[in-house]
C-alpha atoms as a PDB file:
ATOM      1  CA  UNK A   1     112.100  76.904 137.172  1.00  0.00           C
ATOM      2  CA  UNK A   2     108.666  75.895 135.852  1.00  0.00           C
ATOM      3  CA  UNK A   3     107.380  79.558 136.170  1.00  0.00           C
ATOM      4  CA  UNK A   4     110.512  80.756 134.106  1.00  0.00           C
ATOM      5  CA  UNK A   5     109.701  78.159 131.424  1.00  0.00           C
ATOM      6  CA  UNK A   6     106.104  79.114 131.302  1.00  0.00           C
ATOM      7  CA  UNK A   7     107.040  82.787 130.824  1.00  0.00           C
ATOM      8  CA  UNK A   8     109.443  81.841 128.036  1.00  0.00           C
ATOM      9  CA  UNK A   9     106.729  79.792 126.303  1.00  0.00           C
ATOM     10  CA  UNK A  10     104.193  82.566 126.523  1.00  0.00           C
ATOM     11  CA  UNK A  11     106.597  85.096 125.258  1.00  0.00           C
ATOM     12  CA  UNK A  12     107.494  82.842 122.212  1.00  0.00           C
ATOM     13  CA  UNK A  13     103.803  82.161 121.647  1.00  0.00           C
ATOM     14  CA  UNK A  14     103.077  85.830 121.758  1.00  0.00           C
ATOM     15  CA  UNK A  15     105.561  86.773 119.278  1.00  0.00           C
ATOM     16  CA  UNK A  16     104.470  84.007 116.821  1.00  0.00           C
ATOM     17  CA  UNK A  17     100.893  85.351 117.049  1.00  0.00           C
ATOM     18  CA  UNK A  18     102.157  88.854 116.243  1.00  0.00           C
ATOM     19  CA  UNK A  19     103.579  87.855 112.721  1.00  0.00           C
ATOM     20  CA  UNK A  20     102.298  90.116 110.157  1.00  0.00           C
ATOM     21  CA  UNK A  21     102.479  89.584 106.276  1.00  0.00           C
ATOM     22  CA  UNK A  22     101.953  92.211 103.604  1.00  0.00           C
ATOM     23  CA  UNK A  23     101.250  92.175  99.884  1.00  0.00           C
ATOM     24  CA  UNK A  24     103.636  94.600  98.284  1.00  0.00           C
ATOM     25  CA  UNK A  25     104.255  95.749  94.725  1.00  0.00           C
ATOM     26  CA  UNK A  26     107.511  96.504  93.215  1.00  0.00           C
ATOM     27  CA  UNK A  27     107.277 100.045  91.415  1.00  0.00           C
ATOM     28  CA  UNK A  28     109.876  98.975  88.808  1.00  0.00           C
ATOM     29  CA  UNK A  29     108.749  95.317  87.929  1.00  0.00           C
ATOM     30  CA  UNK A  30     105.166  95.767  88.687  1.00  0.00           C
ATOM     31  CA  UNK A  31     105.224  92.472  90.424  1.00  0.00           C
ATOM     32  CA  UNK A  32     103.456  91.547  93.687  1.00  0.00           C
ATOM     33  CA  UNK A  33     105.116  89.537  96.572  1.00  0.00           C
ATOM     34  CA  UNK A  34     104.248  88.617 100.030  1.00  0.00           C
ATOM     35  CA  UNK A  35     106.732  89.803 102.723  1.00  0.00           C
ATOM     36  CA  UNK A  36     106.830  89.573 106.501  1.00  0.00           C
ATOM     37  CA  UNK A  37     108.191  93.045 107.198  1.00  0.00           C
ATOM     38  CA  UNK A  38     106.502  96.312 106.475  1.00  0.00           C
ATOM     39  CA  UNK A  39     108.236  98.027 103.441  1.00  0.00           C
ATOM     40  CA  UNK A  40     110.198 101.244 104.436  1.00  0.00           C
ATOM     41  CA  UNK A  41     111.409 101.978 100.946  1.00  0.00           C
ATOM     42  CA  UNK A  42     109.675 103.983  98.233  1.00  0.00           C
ATOM     43  CA  UNK A  43     110.476 101.207  95.633  1.00  0.00           C
ATOM     44  CA  UNK A  44     107.634  98.982  96.986  1.00  0.00           C
ATOM     45  CA  UNK A  45     104.216  99.791  98.162  1.00  0.00           C
ATOM     46  CA  UNK A  46     101.659  97.843 100.255  1.00  0.00           C
ATOM     47  CA  UNK A  47      98.786  96.776  98.041  1.00  0.00           C
ATOM     48  CA  UNK A  48      95.347  97.287  99.385  1.00  0.00           C
ATOM     49  CA  UNK A  49      96.549  98.371 102.884  1.00  0.00           C
ATOM     50  CA  UNK A  50      96.223  94.823 103.851  1.00  0.00           C
ATOM     51  CA  UNK A  51      97.945  93.105 106.837  1.00  0.00           C
ATOM     52  CA  UNK A  52      97.502  89.411 107.120  1.00  0.00           C
ATOM     53  CA  UNK A  53      98.012  86.905 109.917  1.00  0.00           C
ATOM     54  CA  UNK A  54      99.493  84.250 107.804  1.00  0.00           C
ATOM     55  CA  UNK A  55     101.604  84.017 104.660  1.00  0.00           C
ATOM     56  CA  UNK A  56      98.961  81.608 103.215  1.00  0.00           C
ATOM     57  CA  UNK A  57      96.215  84.257 103.758  1.00  0.00           C
ATOM     58  CA  UNK A  58      98.315  86.866 102.165  1.00  0.00           C
ATOM     59  CA  UNK A  59      99.106  84.682  99.030  1.00  0.00           C
ATOM     60  CA  UNK A  60      95.426  83.827  98.635  1.00  0.00           C
ATOM     61  CA  UNK A  61      94.445  87.320  98.879  1.00  0.00           C
ATOM     62  CA  UNK A  62      97.033  88.523  96.437  1.00  0.00           C
ATOM     63  CA  UNK A  63      95.661  86.290  93.748  1.00  0.00           C
ATOM     64  CA  UNK A  64      92.322  88.383  93.855  1.00  0.00           C
ATOM     65  CA  UNK A  65      93.885  91.870  94.014  1.00  0.00           C
ATOM     66  CA  UNK A  66      93.336  93.535  90.473  1.00  0.00           C
ATOM     67  CA  UNK A  67      96.773  95.261  90.565  1.00  0.00           C
ATOM     68  CA  UNK A  68      98.604  91.948  91.140  1.00  0.00           C
ATOM     69  CA  UNK A  69      96.781  89.980  88.549  1.00  0.00           C
ATOM     70  CA  UNK A  70      97.110  92.392  85.603  1.00  0.00           C
END
């Protein structure tokens, strides 16, 4: 039972570490936002081809991206 719990905890921790955040720009509104899934539509594009490990990191970086501050 302890082994199964350890495996479950490891799987959860691994998935939490694998989270990715993207800065995307809406083609219509020209606004940038942070999302946690890679866009699959043509109405939004990833800005700066960046992938971030945390939402905070993505938000901080978005503030310095020229296309997002115009």
